[in-house]
């Protein structure tokens, strides 16, 4: 469990299209080649420590003739942003994916002192 010792807690959230491969026959739609993609997210303002981040698929467009395999996660979480990692494998063909995310963590408060 992450304990936040702050009287100022921030919640940031967003949505991003990770890719749209069906339009140009990209690797996710072709079903071969690189089967993962990373997308960098920058928070609207920095947290004072790395926040807790939740990522989910909010829209997926897959070929109905293949198996639906997907893995989505966050990695490299810092005070200023993180990376969304999407992976698929096997015969899965993905046309496009949209991911939603929420970050919750401590923020700087106007009453905080900077002694540095």
C-alpha atoms as a PDB file:
ATOM      1  CA  UNK A   1       0.000   0.000   0.000  1.00  0.00           C
ATOM      2  CA  UNK A   2       1.224   3.479  -0.808  1.00  0.00           C
ATOM      3  CA  UNK A   3       0.740   5.913   2.073  1.00  0.00           C
ATOM      4  CA  UNK A   4       0.466   9.574   1.044  1.00  0.00           C
ATOM      5  CA  UNK A   5       1.578  11.947   3.791  1.00  0.00           C
ATOM      6  CA  UNK A   6       0.225  15.109   2.247  1.00  0.00           C
ATOM      7  CA  UNK A   7      -2.627  17.477   2.853  1.00  0.00           C
ATOM      8  CA  UNK A   8      -2.673  18.235  -0.868  1.00  0.00           C
ATOM      9  CA  UNK A   9      -3.522  15.248  -3.077  1.00  0.00           C
ATOM     10  CA  UNK A  10      -3.910  15.520  -6.839  1.00  0.00           C
ATOM     11  CA  UNK A  11      -5.828  13.432  -9.324  1.00  0.00           C
ATOM     12  CA  UNK A  12      -4.887  13.723 -12.995  1.00  0.00           C
ATOM     13  CA  UNK A  13      -6.499  11.740 -15.792  1.00  0.00           C
ATOM     14  CA  UNK A  14      -6.570  11.469 -19.530  1.00  0.00           C
ATOM     15  CA  UNK A  15      -7.251   9.441 -22.628  1.00  0.00           C
ATOM     16  CA  UNK A  16      -5.014   8.708 -25.604  1.00  0.00           C
ATOM     17  CA  UNK A  17      -5.180   6.742 -28.837  1.00  0.00           C
ATOM     18  CA  UNK A  18      -2.149   4.443 -28.675  1.00  0.00           C
ATOM     19  CA  UNK A  19      -2.210   3.558 -32.376  1.00  0.00           C
ATOM     20  CA  UNK A  20      -4.498   3.190 -35.372  1.00  0.00           C
ATOM     21  CA  UNK A  21      -2.778   0.531 -37.495  1.00  0.00           C
ATOM     22  CA  UNK A  22      -5.630  -0.564 -39.770  1.00  0.00           C
ATOM     23  CA  UNK A  23      -5.441   2.693 -41.769  1.00  0.00           C
ATOM     24  CA  UNK A  24      -1.914   1.975 -43.056  1.00  0.00           C
ATOM     25  CA  UNK A  25      -1.512  -1.783 -42.541  1.00  0.00           C
ATOM     26  CA  UNK A  26       0.684  -1.363 -39.459  1.00  0.00           C
ATOM     27  CA  UNK A  27       2.268  -4.219 -37.532  1.00  0.00           C
ATOM     28  CA  UNK A  28      -0.504  -4.577 -34.933  1.00  0.00           C
ATOM     29  CA  UNK A  29      -3.088  -4.973 -37.716  1.00  0.00           C
ATOM     30  CA  UNK A  30      -0.874  -7.113 -39.965  1.00  0.00           C
ATOM     31  CA  UNK A  31      -0.306  -9.513 -37.049  1.00  0.00           C
ATOM     32  CA  UNK A  32       3.461  -9.684 -37.432  1.00  0.00           C
ATOM     33  CA  UNK A  33       6.494  -7.671 -36.467  1.00  0.00           C
ATOM     34  CA  UNK A  34       6.650  -5.608 -33.271  1.00  0.00           C
ATOM     35  CA  UNK A  35       3.685  -6.571 -31.144  1.00  0.00           C
ATOM     36  CA  UNK A  36       4.065  -3.913 -28.472  1.00  0.00           C
ATOM     37  CA  UNK A  37       3.917  -0.151 -28.341  1.00  0.00           C
ATOM     38  CA  UNK A  38       4.769   2.518 -25.796  1.00  0.00           C
ATOM     39  CA  UNK A  39       3.159   5.926 -25.399  1.00  0.00           C
ATOM     40  CA  UNK A  40       4.571   8.635 -23.123  1.00  0.00           C
ATOM     41  CA  UNK A  41       2.147  10.591 -20.919  1.00  0.00           C
ATOM     42  CA  UNK A  42       3.032  13.907 -19.258  1.00  0.00           C
ATOM     43  CA  UNK A  43       1.006  15.007 -16.232  1.00  0.00           C
ATOM     44  CA  UNK A  44      -0.694  18.416 -16.311  1.00  0.00           C
ATOM     45  CA  UNK A  45       1.518  19.416 -13.371  1.00  0.00           C
ATOM     46  CA  UNK A  46       4.206  17.525 -11.450  1.00  0.00           C
ATOM     47  CA  UNK A  47       3.487  15.503  -8.342  1.00  0.00           C
ATOM     48  CA  UNK A  48       5.941  15.704  -5.411  1.00  0.00           C
ATOM     49  CA  UNK A  49       6.511  11.918  -5.582  1.00  0.00           C
ATOM     50  CA  UNK A  50       5.638   9.280  -8.184  1.00  0.00           C
ATOM     51  CA  UNK A  51       1.837   8.826  -8.079  1.00  0.00           C
ATOM     52  CA  UNK A  52      -0.176   5.633  -8.269  1.00  0.00           C
ATOM     53  CA  UNK A  53      -1.259   5.136 -11.892  1.00  0.00           C
ATOM     54  CA  UNK A  54      -4.127   3.050 -13.231  1.00  0.00           C
ATOM     55  CA  UNK A  55      -4.364   2.330 -16.978  1.00  0.00           C
ATOM     56  CA  UNK A  56      -7.252   0.657 -18.806  1.00  0.00           C
ATOM     57  CA  UNK A  57      -8.402   0.021 -22.365  1.00  0.00           C
ATOM     58  CA  UNK A  58     -11.352   2.309 -23.091  1.00  0.00           C
ATOM     59  CA  UNK A  59     -11.767   1.393 -26.773  1.00  0.00           C
ATOM     60  CA  UNK A  60     -10.490  -1.546 -28.727  1.00  0.00           C
ATOM     61  CA  UNK A  61     -11.031  -2.485 -32.334  1.00  0.00           C
ATOM     62  CA  UNK A  62      -9.932  -6.047 -33.082  1.00  0.00           C
ATOM     63  CA  UNK A  63     -10.332  -8.484 -35.961  1.00  0.00           C
ATOM     64  CA  UNK A  64     -13.190 -10.821 -35.000  1.00  0.00           C
ATOM     65  CA  UNK A  65     -11.565 -13.746 -36.835  1.00  0.00           C
ATOM     66  CA  UNK A  66      -8.625 -13.962 -34.399  1.00  0.00           C
ATOM     67  CA  UNK A  67      -8.206 -14.408 -30.658  1.00  0.00           C
ATOM     68  CA  UNK A  68      -8.436 -11.315 -28.444  1.00  0.00           C
ATOM     69  CA  UNK A  69      -5.153 -11.037 -26.530  1.00  0.00           C
ATOM     70  CA  UNK A  70      -4.058  -7.812 -24.886  1.00  0.00           C
ATOM     71  CA  UNK A  71      -1.917  -6.629 -21.996  1.00  0.00           C
ATOM     72  CA  UNK A  72      -1.814  -2.984 -20.911  1.00  0.00           C
ATOM     73  CA  UNK A  73       0.190  -1.481 -18.062  1.00  0.00           C
ATOM     74  CA  UNK A  74       2.066   1.572 -16.852  1.00  0.00           C
ATOM     75  CA  UNK A  75       5.832   1.697 -16.459  1.00  0.00           C
ATOM     76  CA  UNK A  76       8.545   4.234 -15.650  1.00  0.00           C
ATOM     77  CA  UNK A  77       6.227   6.299 -13.414  1.00  0.00           C
ATOM     78  CA  UNK A  78       7.848   9.547 -12.238  1.00  0.00           C
ATOM     79  CA  UNK A  79       6.647  12.811 -10.734  1.00  0.00           C
ATOM     80  CA  UNK A  80       6.142  14.255 -14.237  1.00  0.00           C
ATOM     81  CA  UNK A  81       4.716  11.362 -16.243  1.00  0.00           C
ATOM     82  CA  UNK A  82       4.798   7.696 -17.212  1.00  0.00           C
ATOM     83  CA  UNK A  83       4.734   5.297 -20.148  1.00  0.00           C
ATOM     84  CA  UNK A  84       1.734   3.228 -21.256  1.00  0.00           C
ATOM     85  CA  UNK A  85       2.806  -0.202 -22.518  1.00  0.00           C
ATOM     86  CA  UNK A  86       0.420  -2.182 -24.745  1.00  0.00           C
ATOM     87  CA  UNK A  87       1.262  -5.718 -25.915  1.00  0.00           C
ATOM     88  CA  UNK A  88      -0.456  -8.414 -27.927  1.00  0.00           C
ATOM     89  CA  UNK A  89       0.703 -11.777 -29.251  1.00  0.00           C
ATOM     90  CA  UNK A  90      -0.237 -14.814 -31.297  1.00  0.00           C
ATOM     91  CA  UNK A  91      -2.649 -14.285 -34.187  1.00  0.00           C
ATOM     92  CA  UNK A  92      -4.413 -11.288 -32.601  1.00  0.00           C
ATOM     93  CA  UNK A  93      -4.957  -8.425 -35.038  1.00  0.00           C
ATOM     94  CA  UNK A  94      -5.535  -5.029 -33.450  1.00  0.00           C
ATOM     95  CA  UNK A  95      -6.823  -2.155 -35.557  1.00  0.00           C
ATOM     96  CA  UNK A  96      -6.683   0.499 -32.829  1.00  0.00           C
ATOM     97  CA  UNK A  97      -6.581   0.993 -29.083  1.00  0.00           C
ATOM     98  CA  UNK A  98      -7.506   3.907 -26.831  1.00  0.00           C
ATOM     99  CA  UNK A  99      -6.275   3.928 -23.232  1.00  0.00           C
ATOM    100  CA  UNK A 100      -7.632   5.903 -20.273  1.00  0.00           C
ATOM    101  CA  UNK A 101      -5.481   6.597 -17.231  1.00  0.00           C
ATOM    102  CA  UNK A 102      -5.757   8.048 -13.738  1.00  0.00           C
ATOM    103  CA  UNK A 103      -2.890   9.179 -11.495  1.00  0.00           C
ATOM    104  CA  UNK A 104      -3.318   9.899  -7.771  1.00  0.00           C
ATOM    105  CA  UNK A 105      -0.517  11.311  -5.670  1.00  0.00           C
ATOM    106  CA  UNK A 106       0.830  14.119  -3.486  1.00  0.00           C
ATOM    107  CA  UNK A 107       1.041  17.690  -4.755  1.00  0.00           C
ATOM    108  CA  UNK A 108       2.935  20.690  -3.537  1.00  0.00           C
ATOM    109  CA  UNK A 109       0.799  22.997  -1.379  1.00  0.00           C
ATOM    110  CA  UNK A 110       1.184  26.770  -1.259  1.00  0.00           C
ATOM    111  CA  UNK A 111       1.983  26.499   2.477  1.00  0.00           C
ATOM    112  CA  UNK A 112       4.858  24.045   1.898  1.00  0.00           C
ATOM    113  CA  UNK A 113       8.301  25.463   2.634  1.00  0.00           C
ATOM    114  CA  UNK A 114      11.218  25.066   0.276  1.00  0.00           C
ATOM    115  CA  UNK A 115      14.351  24.858   2.447  1.00  0.00           C
ATOM    116  CA  UNK A 116      16.684  24.023  -0.426  1.00  0.00           C
END
